PDB file of N, CA and C in Angstrom:
ATOM      1  N   UNK A   1     -22.354   3.654 -10.080  1.00  0.00           N
ATOM      2  CA  UNK A   1     -21.314   3.145 -10.952  1.00  0.00           C
ATOM      3  C   UNK A   1     -20.464   2.142 -10.165  1.00  0.00           C
ATOM      4  N   UNK A   2     -20.240   0.985 -10.723  1.00  0.00           N
ATOM      5  CA  UNK A   2     -19.486  -0.073 -10.054  1.00  0.00           C
ATOM      6  C   UNK A   2     -17.992   0.128 -10.257  1.00  0.00           C
ATOM      7  N   UNK A   3     -17.234  -0.072  -9.189  1.00  0.00           N
ATOM      8  CA  UNK A   3     -15.778   0.067  -9.262  1.00  0.00           C
ATOM      9  C   UNK A   3     -15.186  -1.196  -9.878  1.00  0.00           C
ATOM     10  N   UNK A   4     -14.341  -1.012 -10.889  1.00  0.00           N
ATOM     11  CA  UNK A   4     -13.664  -2.136 -11.528  1.00  0.00           C
ATOM     12  C   UNK A   4     -12.216  -2.111 -11.075  1.00  0.00           C
ATOM     13  N   UNK A   5     -11.745  -3.221 -10.533  1.00  0.00           N
ATOM     14  CA  UNK A   5     -10.401  -3.301  -9.984  1.00  0.00           C
ATOM     15  C   UNK A   5      -9.611  -4.350 -10.751  1.00  0.00           C
ATOM     16  N   UNK A   6      -8.567  -3.923 -11.479  1.00  0.00           N
ATOM     17  CA  UNK A   6      -7.693  -4.834 -12.210  1.00  0.00           C
ATOM     18  C   UNK A   6      -6.624  -5.329 -11.247  1.00  0.00           C
ATOM     19  N   UNK A   7      -6.775  -6.540 -10.745  1.00  0.00           N
ATOM     20  CA  UNK A   7      -5.857  -7.063  -9.740  1.00  0.00           C
ATOM     21  C   UNK A   7      -4.530  -7.529 -10.329  1.00  0.00           C
ATOM     22  N   UNK A   8      -4.401  -7.546 -11.652  1.00  0.00           N
ATOM     23  CA  UNK A   8      -3.157  -7.992 -12.266  1.00  0.00           C
ATOM     24  C   UNK A   8      -2.017  -7.009 -12.049  1.00  0.00           C
ATOM     25  N   UNK A   9      -2.306  -5.738 -11.970  1.00  0.00           N
ATOM     26  CA  UNK A   9      -1.263  -4.717 -11.838  1.00  0.00           C
ATOM     27  C   UNK A   9      -1.346  -4.004 -10.503  1.00  0.00           C
ATOM     28  N   UNK A  10      -1.741  -4.726  -9.466  1.00  0.00           N
ATOM     29  CA  UNK A  10      -1.877  -4.097  -8.158  1.00  0.00           C
ATOM     30  C   UNK A  10      -1.019  -4.822  -7.132  1.00  0.00           C
ATOM     31  N   UNK A  11      -0.825  -4.158  -6.014  1.00  0.00           N
ATOM     32  CA  UNK A  11      -0.121  -4.748  -4.885  1.00  0.00           C
ATOM     33  C   UNK A  11      -0.958  -4.494  -3.639  1.00  0.00           C
ATOM     34  N   UNK A  12      -1.055  -5.500  -2.797  1.00  0.00           N
ATOM     35  CA  UNK A  12      -1.811  -5.390  -1.553  1.00  0.00           C
ATOM     36  C   UNK A  12      -0.829  -5.110  -0.423  1.00  0.00           C
ATOM     37  N   UNK A  13      -1.082  -4.038   0.297  1.00  0.00           N
ATOM     38  CA  UNK A  13      -0.264  -3.646   1.442  1.00  0.00           C
ATOM     39  C   UNK A  13      -1.081  -3.933   2.699  1.00  0.00           C
ATOM     40  N   UNK A  14      -0.484  -4.653   3.635  1.00  0.00           N
ATOM     41  CA  UNK A  14      -1.202  -4.989   4.866  1.00  0.00           C
ATOM     42  C   UNK A  14      -0.793  -4.107   6.036  1.00  0.00           C
ATOM     43  N   UNK A  15       0.271  -3.345   5.885  1.00  0.00           N
ATOM     44  CA  UNK A  15       0.754  -2.488   6.971  1.00  0.00           C
ATOM     45  C   UNK A  15       0.239  -1.063   6.787  1.00  0.00           C
ATOM     46  N   UNK A  16      -0.470  -0.570   7.791  1.00  0.00           N
ATOM     47  CA  UNK A  16      -1.049   0.775   7.722  1.00  0.00           C
ATOM     48  C   UNK A  16       0.038   1.843   7.575  1.00  0.00           C
ATOM     49  N   UNK A  17       1.148   1.679   8.275  1.00  0.00           N
ATOM     50  CA  UNK A  17       2.217   2.687   8.206  1.00  0.00           C
ATOM     51  C   UNK A  17       2.867   2.734   6.829  1.00  0.00           C
ATOM     52  N   UNK A  18       3.080   1.579   6.217  1.00  0.00           N
ATOM     53  CA  UNK A  18       3.648   1.550   4.870  1.00  0.00           C
ATOM     54  C   UNK A  18       2.675   2.190   3.884  1.00  0.00           C
ATOM     55  N   UNK A  19       1.389   1.901   4.014  1.00  0.00           N
ATOM     56  CA  UNK A  19       0.385   2.524   3.143  1.00  0.00           C
ATOM     57  C   UNK A  19       0.409   4.039   3.323  1.00  0.00           C
ATOM     58  N   UNK A  20       0.529   4.492   4.567  1.00  0.00           N
ATOM     59  CA  UNK A  20       0.622   5.929   4.835  1.00  0.00           C
ATOM     60  C   UNK A  20       1.861   6.542   4.210  1.00  0.00           C
ATOM     61  N   UNK A  21       2.982   5.827   4.282  1.00  0.00           N
ATOM     62  CA  UNK A  21       4.241   6.292   3.675  1.00  0.00           C
ATOM     63  C   UNK A  21       4.074   6.447   2.165  1.00  0.00           C
ATOM     64  N   UNK A  22       3.424   5.477   1.534  1.00  0.00           N
ATOM     65  CA  UNK A  22       3.208   5.545   0.088  1.00  0.00           C
ATOM     66  C   UNK A  22       2.310   6.732  -0.271  1.00  0.00           C
ATOM     67  N   UNK A  23       1.259   6.950   0.499  1.00  0.00           N
ATOM     68  CA  UNK A  23       0.370   8.084   0.219  1.00  0.00           C
ATOM     69  C   UNK A  23       1.079   9.406   0.485  1.00  0.00           C
ATOM     70  N   UNK A  24       1.930   9.458   1.511  1.00  0.00           N
ATOM     71  CA  UNK A  24       2.735  10.646   1.799  1.00  0.00           C
ATOM     72  C   UNK A  24       3.651  10.968   0.619  1.00  0.00           C
ATOM     73  N   UNK A  25       4.094   9.920  -0.088  1.00  0.00           N
ATOM     74  CA  UNK A  25       4.971  10.079  -1.243  1.00  0.00           C
ATOM     75  C   UNK A  25       4.199  10.144  -2.557  1.00  0.00           C
ATOM     76  N   UNK A  26       2.944  10.564  -2.489  1.00  0.00           N
ATOM     77  CA  UNK A  26       2.103  10.893  -3.652  1.00  0.00           C
ATOM     78  C   UNK A  26       1.558   9.697  -4.432  1.00  0.00           C
ATOM     79  N   UNK A  27       1.557   8.506  -3.835  1.00  0.00           N
ATOM     80  CA  UNK A  27       0.926   7.365  -4.487  1.00  0.00           C
ATOM     81  C   UNK A  27      -0.527   7.317  -4.042  1.00  0.00           C
ATOM     82  N   UNK A  28      -1.413   7.063  -4.987  1.00  0.00           N
ATOM     83  CA  UNK A  28      -2.844   7.052  -4.695  1.00  0.00           C
ATOM     84  C   UNK A  28      -3.312   5.633  -4.409  1.00  0.00           C
ATOM     85  N   UNK A  29      -4.010   5.500  -3.314  1.00  0.00           N
ATOM     86  CA  UNK A  29      -4.587   4.214  -2.928  1.00  0.00           C
ATOM     87  C   UNK A  29      -5.759   3.935  -3.859  1.00  0.00           C
ATOM     88  N   UNK A  30      -5.784   2.755  -4.463  1.00  0.00           N
ATOM     89  CA  UNK A  30      -6.886   2.374  -5.345  1.00  0.00           C
ATOM     90  C   UNK A  30      -8.100   1.955  -4.523  1.00  0.00           C
ATOM     91  N   UNK A  31      -7.832   1.206  -3.456  1.00  0.00           N
ATOM     92  CA  UNK A  31      -8.937   0.699  -2.649  1.00  0.00           C
ATOM     93  C   UNK A  31      -8.446   0.369  -1.244  1.00  0.00           C
ATOM     94  N   UNK A  32      -9.373   0.360  -0.320  1.00  0.00           N
ATOM     95  CA  UNK A  32      -9.111  -0.045   1.064  1.00  0.00           C
ATOM     96  C   UNK A  32     -10.260  -0.949   1.478  1.00  0.00           C
ATOM     97  N   UNK A  33      -9.915  -2.131   1.980  1.00  0.00           N
ATOM     98  CA  UNK A  33     -10.943  -3.111   2.331  1.00  0.00           C
ATOM     99  C   UNK A  33     -10.598  -3.782   3.652  1.00  0.00           C
ATOM    100  N   UNK A  34     -11.592  -4.329   4.322  1.00  0.00           N
ATOM    101  CA  UNK A  34     -11.304  -5.088   5.548  1.00  0.00           C
ATOM    102  C   UNK A  34     -10.472  -6.328   5.221  1.00  0.00           C
ATOM    103  N   UNK A  35      -9.551  -6.663   6.098  1.00  0.00           N
ATOM    104  CA  UNK A  35      -8.736  -7.867   5.950  1.00  0.00           C
ATOM    105  C   UNK A  35      -9.579  -9.058   6.403  1.00  0.00           C
ATOM    106  N   UNK A  36      -9.747 -10.039   5.531  1.00  0.00           N
ATOM    107  CA  UNK A  36     -10.580 -11.193   5.871  1.00  0.00           C
ATOM    108  C   UNK A  36      -9.949 -12.058   6.962  1.00  0.00           C
ATOM    109  N   UNK A  37      -8.613 -12.015   7.082  1.00  0.00           N
ATOM    110  CA  UNK A  37      -7.930 -12.819   8.102  1.00  0.00           C
ATOM    111  C   UNK A  37      -8.014 -12.179   9.486  1.00  0.00           C
ATOM    112  N   UNK A  38      -8.107 -10.855   9.524  1.00  0.00           N
ATOM    113  CA  UNK A  38      -8.182 -10.125  10.794  1.00  0.00           C
ATOM    114  C   UNK A  38      -9.085  -8.916  10.583  1.00  0.00           C
ATOM    115  N   UNK A  39     -10.326  -9.023  11.006  1.00  0.00           N
ATOM    116  CA  UNK A  39     -11.321  -7.983  10.723  1.00  0.00           C
ATOM    117  C   UNK A  39     -11.034  -6.658  11.424  1.00  0.00           C
ATOM    118  N   UNK A  40     -10.069  -6.631  12.340  1.00  0.00           N
ATOM    119  CA  UNK A  40      -9.708  -5.370  12.990  1.00  0.00           C
ATOM    120  C   UNK A  40      -8.716  -4.569  12.150  1.00  0.00           C
ATOM    121  N   UNK A  41      -8.265  -5.150  11.039  1.00  0.00           N
ATOM    122  CA  UNK A  41      -7.288  -4.481  10.174  1.00  0.00           C
ATOM    123  C   UNK A  41      -7.860  -4.280   8.778  1.00  0.00           C
ATOM    124  N   UNK A  42      -7.205  -3.425   8.006  1.00  0.00           N
ATOM    125  CA  UNK A  42      -7.577  -3.193   6.612  1.00  0.00           C
ATOM    126  C   UNK A  42      -6.424  -3.585   5.709  1.00  0.00           C
ATOM    127  N   UNK A  43      -6.741  -3.829   4.440  1.00  0.00           N
ATOM    128  CA  UNK A  43      -5.713  -3.979   3.419  1.00  0.00           C
ATOM    129  C   UNK A  43      -5.817  -2.775   2.493  1.00  0.00           C
ATOM    130  N   UNK A  44      -4.694  -2.388   1.929  1.00  0.00           N
ATOM    131  CA  UNK A  44      -4.609  -1.203   1.081  1.00  0.00           C
ATOM    132  C   UNK A  44      -4.090  -1.643  -0.278  1.00  0.00           C
ATOM    133  N   UNK A  45      -4.785  -1.260  -1.328  1.00  0.00           N
ATOM    134  CA  UNK A  45      -4.437  -1.704  -2.672  1.00  0.00           C
ATOM    135  C   UNK A  45      -3.929  -0.510  -3.471  1.00  0.00           C
ATOM    136  N   UNK A  46      -2.750  -0.695  -4.074  1.00  0.00           N
ATOM    137  CA  UNK A  46      -2.098   0.326  -4.883  1.00  0.00           C
ATOM    138  C   UNK A  46      -1.773  -0.254  -6.249  1.00  0.00           C
ATOM    139  N   UNK A  47      -1.599   0.612  -7.225  1.00  0.00           N
ATOM    140  CA  UNK A  47      -1.110   0.185  -8.527  1.00  0.00           C
ATOM    141  C   UNK A  47       0.362  -0.177  -8.365  1.00  0.00           C
ATOM    142  N   UNK A  48       0.747  -1.348  -8.832  1.00  0.00           N
ATOM    143  CA  UNK A  48       2.119  -1.834  -8.697  1.00  0.00           C
ATOM    144  C   UNK A  48       2.974  -1.289  -9.835  1.00  0.00           C
ATOM    145  N   UNK A  49       3.967  -0.483  -9.483  1.00  0.00           N
ATOM    146  CA  UNK A  49       4.889   0.084 -10.464  1.00  0.00           C
ATOM    147  C   UNK A  49       6.314  -0.044  -9.938  1.00  0.00           C
ATOM    148  N   UNK A  50       7.304   0.040 -10.821  1.00  0.00           N
ATOM    149  CA  UNK A  50       8.693   0.026 -10.349  1.00  0.00           C
ATOM    150  C   UNK A  50       8.985   1.173  -9.376  1.00  0.00           C
ATOM    151  N   UNK A  51       8.408   2.341  -9.611  1.00  0.00           N
ATOM    152  CA  UNK A  51       8.630   3.482  -8.721  1.00  0.00           C
ATOM    153  C   UNK A  51       8.036   3.217  -7.333  1.00  0.00           C
ATOM    154  N   UNK A  52       6.864   2.613  -7.289  1.00  0.00           N
ATOM    155  CA  UNK A  52       6.260   2.272  -6.001  1.00  0.00           C
ATOM    156  C   UNK A  52       7.163   1.299  -5.243  1.00  0.00           C
ATOM    157  N   UNK A  53       7.711   0.308  -5.938  1.00  0.00           N
ATOM    158  CA  UNK A  53       8.617  -0.657  -5.297  1.00  0.00           C
ATOM    159  C   UNK A  53       9.871   0.038  -4.772  1.00  0.00           C
ATOM    160  N   UNK A  54      10.362   1.011  -5.529  1.00  0.00           N
ATOM    161  CA  UNK A  54      11.540   1.772  -5.104  1.00  0.00           C
ATOM    162  C   UNK A  54      11.244   2.547  -3.816  1.00  0.00           C
ATOM    163  N   UNK A  55      10.095   3.196  -3.765  1.00  0.00           N
ATOM    164  CA  UNK A  55       9.715   3.964  -2.574  1.00  0.00           C
ATOM    165  C   UNK A  55       9.467   3.026  -1.390  1.00  0.00           C
ATOM    166  N   UNK A  56       8.953   1.829  -1.642  1.00  0.00           N
ATOM    167  CA  UNK A  56       8.798   0.846  -0.571  1.00  0.00           C
ATOM    168  C   UNK A  56      10.163   0.485   0.019  1.00  0.00           C
ATOM    169  N   UNK A  57      11.176   0.361  -0.838  1.00  0.00           N
ATOM    170  CA  UNK A  57      12.532   0.088  -0.367  1.00  0.00           C
ATOM    171  C   UNK A  57      13.074   1.228   0.470  1.00  0.00           C
ATOM    172  N   UNK A  58      12.765   2.447   0.076  1.00  0.00           N
ATOM    173  CA  UNK A  58      13.209   3.612   0.851  1.00  0.00           C
ATOM    174  C   UNK A  58      12.528   3.654   2.212  1.00  0.00           C
ATOM    175  N   UNK A  59      11.300   3.155   2.289  1.00  0.00           N
ATOM    176  CA  UNK A  59      10.605   3.087   3.582  1.00  0.00           C
ATOM    177  C   UNK A  59      11.377   2.187   4.545  1.00  0.00           C
ATOM    178  N   UNK A  60      11.852   1.068   4.047  1.00  0.00           N
ATOM    179  CA  UNK A  60      12.623   0.153   4.895  1.00  0.00           C
ATOM    180  C   UNK A  60      13.889   0.829   5.405  1.00  0.00           C
ATOM    181  N   UNK A  61      14.568   1.581   4.531  1.00  0.00           N
ATOM    182  CA  UNK A  61      15.771   2.319   4.931  1.00  0.00           C
ATOM    183  C   UNK A  61      15.417   3.385   5.968  1.00  0.00           C
ATOM    184  N   UNK A  62      14.367   4.145   5.727  1.00  0.00           N
ATOM    185  CA  UNK A  62      13.934   5.211   6.627  1.00  0.00           C
ATOM    186  C   UNK A  62      13.567   4.641   7.995  1.00  0.00           C
ATOM    187  N   UNK A  63      12.867   3.523   7.982  1.00  0.00           N
ATOM    188  CA  UNK A  63      12.434   2.893   9.224  1.00  0.00           C
ATOM    189  C   UNK A  63      13.638   2.445  10.060  1.00  0.00           C
ATOM    190  N   UNK A  64      14.672   1.931   9.413  1.00  0.00           N
ATOM    191  CA  UNK A  64      15.846   1.474  10.161  1.00  0.00           C
ATOM    192  C   UNK A  64      16.634   2.645  10.741  1.00  0.00           C
ATOM    193  N   UNK A  65      16.562   3.811  10.114  1.00  0.00           N
ATOM    194  CA  UNK A  65      17.276   4.997  10.607  1.00  0.00           C
ATOM    195  C   UNK A  65      16.605   5.557  11.856  1.00  0.00           C
ATOM    196  N   UNK A  66      15.273   5.585  11.875  1.00  0.00           N
ATOM    197  CA  UNK A  66      14.571   6.235  12.988  1.00  0.00           C
ATOM    198  C   UNK A  66      14.405   5.345  14.216  1.00  0.00           C
ATOM    199  N   UNK A  67      14.742   4.078  14.126  1.00  0.00           N
ATOM    200  CA  UNK A  67      14.596   3.183  15.295  1.00  0.00           C
ATOM    201  C   UNK A  67      15.712   3.353  16.265  1.00  0.00           C
TER     202      UNK A  67
END
């Protein structure tokens, strides 16, 4: 069965730690693929929602607290 990916409602995350934070907060990764610009890295694709954007903002706050 071929995977169909609707790129209109998705967001590409290039940071592994941010992708991990989103998955820790119960967001499901739609896909993970090699980054064409840097083959040593991956890109992480999630469904783009207002709640996901909110949690991404909280990641920035959390990151600034622990540094």
